[in-house]
Amino acid sequence: MSDSILFTVSDGLAHVTLNRPERLNAIDADAAYRWREIATEVAERADIRAVLFDARGRAFCAGGDVLAMAALGSAELSAGAAVRELADVIHDGHRLLRGSATPIVAAVHGPVAGGGLGFMLVADVIVAAETASFASKYADIALTPDCGVSTLLPEAVGSRRALELLLTPRTLSAAEALDWGLVTELAAPDAVADRATAIAAHWLQGASAAYGQAKRLVHAGRTRSFQDSLDDEAVSIGAAFDSAEARARVAAFSARTASR
C-alpha cells in the first residue's frame, strides 16, 4: 500500500495525512491514485462519520509535483496527456469527498500553493496556523488551475478575489486568508492539530449524520435549482425525523422544554 498519503480509521474518524514532506507534500502520480482510493473509502464506508485532513512536514501542500509530472511523457503519451489523466484521477477524489455526507476538517500548518489550494478547499472547515501562507503560483510556470481551484477558490472568496490571487503574484498571510473567507479560523502553530481534532470530535459526539447531511445539502444546492434543493431538504428532514437518533434527541429536547 502506498504511504504517500496515510489513511487510518478509528472510532468513526478517518485521518488522512499528506505524507511527502521532502517534496512539500506535492502530489505525484502515486499520491493522485492514493487520493482517489481514500476518497472512495470515505464516500462508501458507513463507519466513517468525520474526516481529519492534515499533512506532515513544514508545508501543507505545494500542489502538483511538477518535476515528477514532467517526466511522465513517453513515445506513446505526451507529458501533457499524462498530466491530464492524473488531473482526472485527482478530480475524481475531490468530487467523491465533496459529494459525500461526511464532514471534513483540515488542519493547515504551513504554506499552501497551486493545486494545494484545491486539496485544502475540499474540506468543509479549515483551521490554519497563524503562520500559514497561501498563493497560486500557477502562472509562474505557465500552467493553469487544476485540483478544482477554478471552482473552489471563487466559491470560497468570490470571483474578484480569486482572480486577484490567480492573476497576480500575491501571497496571502493567514490573517488575510481569514479575512477573505479562504479559511475558517486561525490557531497558534502548535494548537492547529488540537483544534481541528476537537472539531472532528464534536461531530462524532453529536448527531454526525445530521452534520453530514447539512454538508451535502449545502454543496448540492450550488449546482441545481432552488426547487430541487427544497425537495431534497424535505426528503432529508423527513428521513432524519424517522431515525432512532433524532427520535431520542427530540424526546430529550421535549422533556427539557416541558420542565422549564
Protein backbone atom coordinates (compact mmCIF):
# COMPACT_ATOMS: atom_id res chain seq x y z
CA MET A 1 0.00 0.00 0.00
CA SER A 2 1.28 3.48 -0.83
CA ASP A 3 2.49 5.67 2.02
CA SER A 4 2.34 8.92 0.01
CA ILE A 5 -0.94 9.64 1.79
CA LEU A 6 -1.59 7.98 5.14
CA PHE A 7 -5.08 6.78 5.99
CA THR A 8 -6.45 5.33 9.22
CA VAL A 9 -9.95 4.92 10.63
CA SER A 10 -10.68 4.72 14.36
CA ASP A 11 -13.98 5.11 16.22
CA GLY A 12 -15.68 6.76 13.26
CA LEU A 13 -12.85 9.20 12.47
CA ALA A 14 -10.88 8.89 9.24
CA HIS A 15 -7.44 10.52 9.47
CA VAL A 16 -5.94 11.49 6.11
CA THR A 17 -2.35 12.77 6.07
CA LEU A 18 -0.33 14.01 3.10
CA ASN A 19 3.00 12.27 3.57
CA ARG A 20 5.61 13.60 1.15
CA PRO A 21 7.27 16.18 3.40
CA GLU A 22 10.50 16.12 1.44
CA ARG A 23 8.53 17.41 -1.60
CA LEU A 24 6.38 19.83 0.41
CA ASN A 25 3.57 17.26 0.04
CA ALA A 26 3.35 17.91 -3.69
CA ILE A 27 1.15 15.35 -5.41
CA ASP A 28 2.79 12.86 -7.77
CA ALA A 29 1.16 10.00 -9.69
CA ASP A 30 1.29 7.63 -6.74
CA ALA A 31 -0.34 10.18 -4.43
CA ALA A 32 -3.00 11.01 -7.02
CA TYR A 33 -4.19 7.41 -7.22
CA ARG A 34 -3.96 7.02 -3.45
CA TRP A 35 -6.12 10.15 -3.03
CA ARG A 36 -8.85 8.64 -5.20
CA GLU A 37 -8.69 5.34 -3.31
CA ILE A 38 -9.07 7.11 0.03
CA ALA A 39 -11.89 9.31 -1.23
CA THR A 40 -13.74 6.23 -2.43
CA GLU A 41 -13.46 4.65 1.02
CA VAL A 42 -14.66 7.79 2.76
CA ALA A 43 -17.64 8.05 0.43
CA GLU A 44 -18.62 4.38 0.71
CA ARG A 45 -17.86 3.33 4.28
CA ALA A 46 -20.75 3.72 6.70
CA ASP A 47 -18.42 3.58 9.72
CA ILE A 48 -16.66 6.83 8.74
CA ARG A 49 -18.55 9.77 10.25
CA ALA A 50 -15.92 12.52 10.16
CA VAL A 51 -12.58 13.20 8.46
CA LEU A 52 -9.47 14.93 9.82
CA PHE A 53 -7.19 16.05 6.97
CA ASP A 54 -3.62 17.21 7.64
CA ALA A 55 -0.05 16.94 6.36
CA ARG A 56 3.46 16.17 7.54
CA GLY A 57 6.46 18.47 7.33
CA ARG A 58 6.75 22.24 7.05
CA ALA A 59 4.19 22.73 4.23
CA PHE A 60 0.59 21.65 3.88
CA CYS A 61 0.66 21.12 0.10
CA ALA A 62 2.63 22.67 -2.75
CA GLY A 63 0.16 21.37 -5.37
CA GLY A 64 1.26 19.00 -8.10
CA ASP A 65 4.79 17.63 -8.21
CA VAL A 66 5.67 19.36 -11.48
CA LEU A 67 9.10 17.75 -11.79
CA ALA A 68 7.64 14.26 -11.41
CA MET A 69 4.83 15.02 -13.83
CA ALA A 70 7.19 16.46 -16.46
CA ALA A 71 8.96 13.08 -16.52
CA LEU A 72 5.76 11.17 -17.30
CA GLY A 73 5.89 11.59 -21.06
CA SER A 74 6.65 8.71 -23.39
CA ALA A 75 6.69 7.94 -27.11
CA GLU A 76 3.02 6.97 -26.87
CA LEU A 77 1.83 9.68 -24.47
CA SER A 78 2.95 13.29 -24.14
CA ALA A 79 3.67 14.72 -20.69
CA GLY A 80 0.61 16.93 -21.10
CA ALA A 81 -1.66 13.97 -21.85
CA ALA A 82 -0.28 12.09 -18.85
CA VAL A 83 -0.86 15.09 -16.60
CA ARG A 84 -4.43 15.37 -17.88
CA GLU A 85 -5.05 11.75 -16.89
CA LEU A 86 -3.66 12.38 -13.39
CA ALA A 87 -5.76 15.53 -13.07
CA ASP A 88 -8.85 13.44 -13.81
CA VAL A 89 -7.82 10.97 -11.09
CA ILE A 90 -7.36 13.74 -8.52
CA HIS A 91 -10.63 15.34 -9.56
CA ASP A 92 -12.44 12.03 -9.04
CA GLY A 93 -11.24 12.10 -5.45
CA HIS A 94 -12.31 15.70 -4.95
CA ARG A 95 -15.76 15.00 -6.38
CA LEU A 96 -16.27 11.99 -4.13
CA LEU A 97 -15.23 13.87 -0.99
CA ARG A 98 -17.27 16.95 -1.76
CA GLY A 99 -20.33 14.88 -2.59
CA SER A 100 -20.10 12.67 0.47
CA ALA A 101 -22.25 13.16 3.55
CA THR A 102 -19.13 13.15 5.74
CA PRO A 103 -17.85 16.44 7.21
CA ILE A 104 -14.14 17.17 6.72
CA VAL A 105 -11.90 19.42 8.82
CA ALA A 106 -8.44 20.41 7.57
CA ALA A 107 -5.51 21.31 9.82
CA VAL A 108 -3.29 23.61 7.75
CA HIS A 109 0.02 24.24 9.45
CA GLY A 110 2.19 25.70 6.69
CA PRO A 111 2.34 27.09 3.14
CA VAL A 112 -0.31 26.15 0.57
CA ALA A 113 0.27 26.77 -3.13
CA GLY A 114 -1.19 25.94 -6.53
CA GLY A 115 -3.27 22.78 -6.52
CA GLY A 116 -2.74 22.60 -2.77
CA LEU A 117 -5.46 25.24 -2.52
CA GLY A 118 -7.86 22.80 -4.16
CA PHE A 119 -6.92 19.98 -1.79
CA MET A 120 -7.40 22.28 1.20
CA LEU A 121 -10.73 23.60 -0.06
CA VAL A 122 -12.20 20.11 -0.29
CA ALA A 123 -12.52 20.43 3.50
CA ASP A 124 -15.68 21.93 4.99
CA VAL A 125 -13.91 23.60 7.92
CA ILE A 126 -10.31 24.82 7.68
CA VAL A 127 -8.18 25.58 10.73
CA ALA A 128 -4.97 27.34 9.70
CA ALA A 129 -1.85 28.23 11.63
CA GLU A 130 -1.26 31.93 12.18
CA THR A 131 2.00 31.46 10.24
CA ALA A 132 0.43 29.72 7.20
CA SER A 133 0.50 31.34 3.76
CA PHE A 134 -1.49 30.91 0.56
CA ALA A 135 -0.53 31.54 -3.07
CA SER A 136 -1.42 30.47 -6.60
CA LYS A 137 1.94 30.25 -8.42
CA TYR A 138 0.41 28.50 -11.45
CA ALA A 139 1.35 31.25 -13.91
CA ASP A 140 4.92 31.31 -12.58
CA ILE A 141 5.49 28.14 -14.60
CA ALA A 142 2.94 28.87 -17.35
CA LEU A 143 0.33 26.45 -16.01
CA THR A 144 -3.40 26.79 -15.38
CA PRO A 145 -5.51 25.98 -12.29
CA ASP A 146 -6.39 22.38 -11.51
CA CYS A 147 -7.48 20.34 -8.48
CA GLY A 148 -10.79 22.19 -8.50
CA VAL A 149 -9.16 25.58 -7.84
CA SER A 150 -11.12 27.39 -10.58
CA THR A 151 -14.35 26.37 -8.83
CA LEU A 152 -13.48 26.01 -5.16
CA LEU A 153 -11.46 29.22 -4.83
CA PRO A 154 -14.13 31.65 -6.14
CA GLU A 155 -16.71 29.70 -4.17
CA ALA A 156 -14.73 30.49 -1.01
CA VAL A 157 -13.61 34.07 -1.64
CA GLY A 158 -15.62 35.35 -4.61
CA SER A 159 -14.58 35.72 -8.25
CA ARG A 160 -12.83 39.07 -7.90
CA ARG A 161 -10.52 37.94 -5.12
CA ALA A 162 -9.97 34.55 -6.74
CA LEU A 163 -8.80 36.30 -9.88
CA GLU A 164 -6.51 38.55 -7.86
CA LEU A 165 -4.83 35.52 -6.34
CA LEU A 166 -4.62 33.70 -9.68
CA LEU A 167 -3.57 36.65 -11.86
CA THR A 168 -1.09 38.42 -9.60
CA PRO A 169 1.96 37.31 -7.61
CA ARG A 170 0.17 38.00 -4.34
CA THR A 171 0.66 35.66 -1.39
CA LEU A 172 -1.92 35.82 1.39
CA SER A 173 -0.95 35.76 5.04
CA ALA A 174 -3.07 33.67 7.38
CA ALA A 175 -4.81 36.80 8.67
CA GLU A 176 -5.65 37.87 5.11
CA ALA A 177 -6.90 34.38 4.28
CA LEU A 178 -9.23 34.53 7.26
CA ASP A 179 -10.47 37.99 6.24
CA TRP A 180 -11.11 36.76 2.69
CA GLY A 181 -13.01 33.67 3.87
CA LEU A 182 -10.41 31.28 2.48
CA VAL A 183 -10.04 29.60 5.90
CA THR A 184 -12.48 29.21 8.78
CA GLU A 185 -10.33 30.12 11.76
CA LEU A 186 -6.74 30.59 12.93
CA ALA A 187 -4.80 28.98 15.73
CA ALA A 188 -1.28 29.13 17.09
CA PRO A 189 1.01 26.78 15.12
CA ASP A 190 1.25 24.34 18.00
CA ALA A 191 -2.53 24.36 18.54
CA VAL A 192 -3.78 23.73 14.99
CA ALA A 193 -3.87 19.94 15.27
CA ASP A 194 -5.66 20.01 18.62
CA ARG A 195 -8.24 22.50 17.42
CA ALA A 196 -9.01 20.50 14.25
CA THR A 197 -9.21 17.30 16.29
CA ALA A 198 -11.66 18.99 18.68
CA ILE A 199 -13.92 19.96 15.77
CA ALA A 200 -13.92 16.39 14.44
CA ALA A 201 -14.65 15.10 17.96
CA HIS A 202 -17.62 17.47 18.21
CA TRP A 203 -19.07 15.98 15.03
CA LEU A 204 -18.56 12.43 16.30
CA GLN A 205 -20.06 13.16 19.71
CA GLY A 206 -23.10 14.88 18.25
CA ALA A 207 -25.60 13.94 15.57
CA SER A 208 -22.92 13.17 12.99
CA ALA A 209 -25.42 12.03 10.37
CA ALA A 210 -27.18 15.40 10.59
CA TYR A 211 -23.89 17.28 10.20
CA GLY A 212 -23.06 15.17 7.17
CA GLN A 213 -26.42 15.76 5.53
CA ALA A 214 -26.17 19.51 6.18
CA LYS A 215 -22.81 19.50 4.36
CA ARG A 216 -24.25 17.51 1.46
CA LEU A 217 -27.27 19.80 1.10
CA VAL A 218 -25.16 22.97 1.03
CA HIS A 219 -22.77 21.67 -1.61
CA ALA A 220 -25.51 20.12 -3.74
CA GLY A 221 -27.50 23.36 -3.69
CA ARG A 222 -24.86 25.16 -5.75
CA THR A 223 -25.44 23.04 -8.83
CA ARG A 224 -29.22 22.70 -9.07
CA SER A 225 -32.46 24.65 -8.99
CA PHE A 226 -33.93 26.08 -5.80
CA GLN A 227 -36.93 23.76 -6.16
CA ASP A 228 -34.68 20.70 -6.38
CA SER A 229 -32.90 21.83 -3.22
CA LEU A 230 -36.20 22.35 -1.42
CA ASP A 231 -37.35 18.88 -2.45
CA ASP A 232 -34.09 17.37 -1.20
CA GLU A 233 -34.41 19.24 2.11
CA ALA A 234 -37.94 17.87 2.59
CA VAL A 235 -36.85 14.30 1.89
CA SER A 236 -33.77 14.63 4.09
CA ILE A 237 -35.50 16.11 7.13
CA GLY A 238 -38.28 13.56 6.83
CA ALA A 239 -35.77 10.73 6.84
CA ALA A 240 -33.93 12.35 9.75
CA PHE A 241 -37.10 12.55 11.84
CA ASP A 242 -37.61 8.81 11.39
CA SER A 243 -34.09 7.95 12.56
CA ALA A 244 -33.57 6.46 16.02
CA GLU A 245 -31.08 9.19 16.92
CA ALA A 246 -33.47 12.01 16.03
CA ARG A 247 -36.33 10.39 17.93
CA ALA A 248 -34.16 10.15 21.04
CA ARG A 249 -32.84 13.70 20.75
CA VAL A 250 -36.26 15.20 20.00
CA ALA A 251 -37.71 13.37 23.02
CA ALA A 252 -34.91 14.70 25.23
CA PHE A 253 -35.47 18.21 23.88
CA SER A 254 -39.20 17.94 24.57
CA ALA A 255 -38.56 16.76 28.11
CA ARG A 256 -36.21 19.68 28.81
CA THR A 257 -38.72 22.16 27.36
CA ALA A 258 -41.59 20.75 29.41
CA SER A 259 -39.61 21.01 32.65
CA ARG A 260 -38.96 24.75 32.29
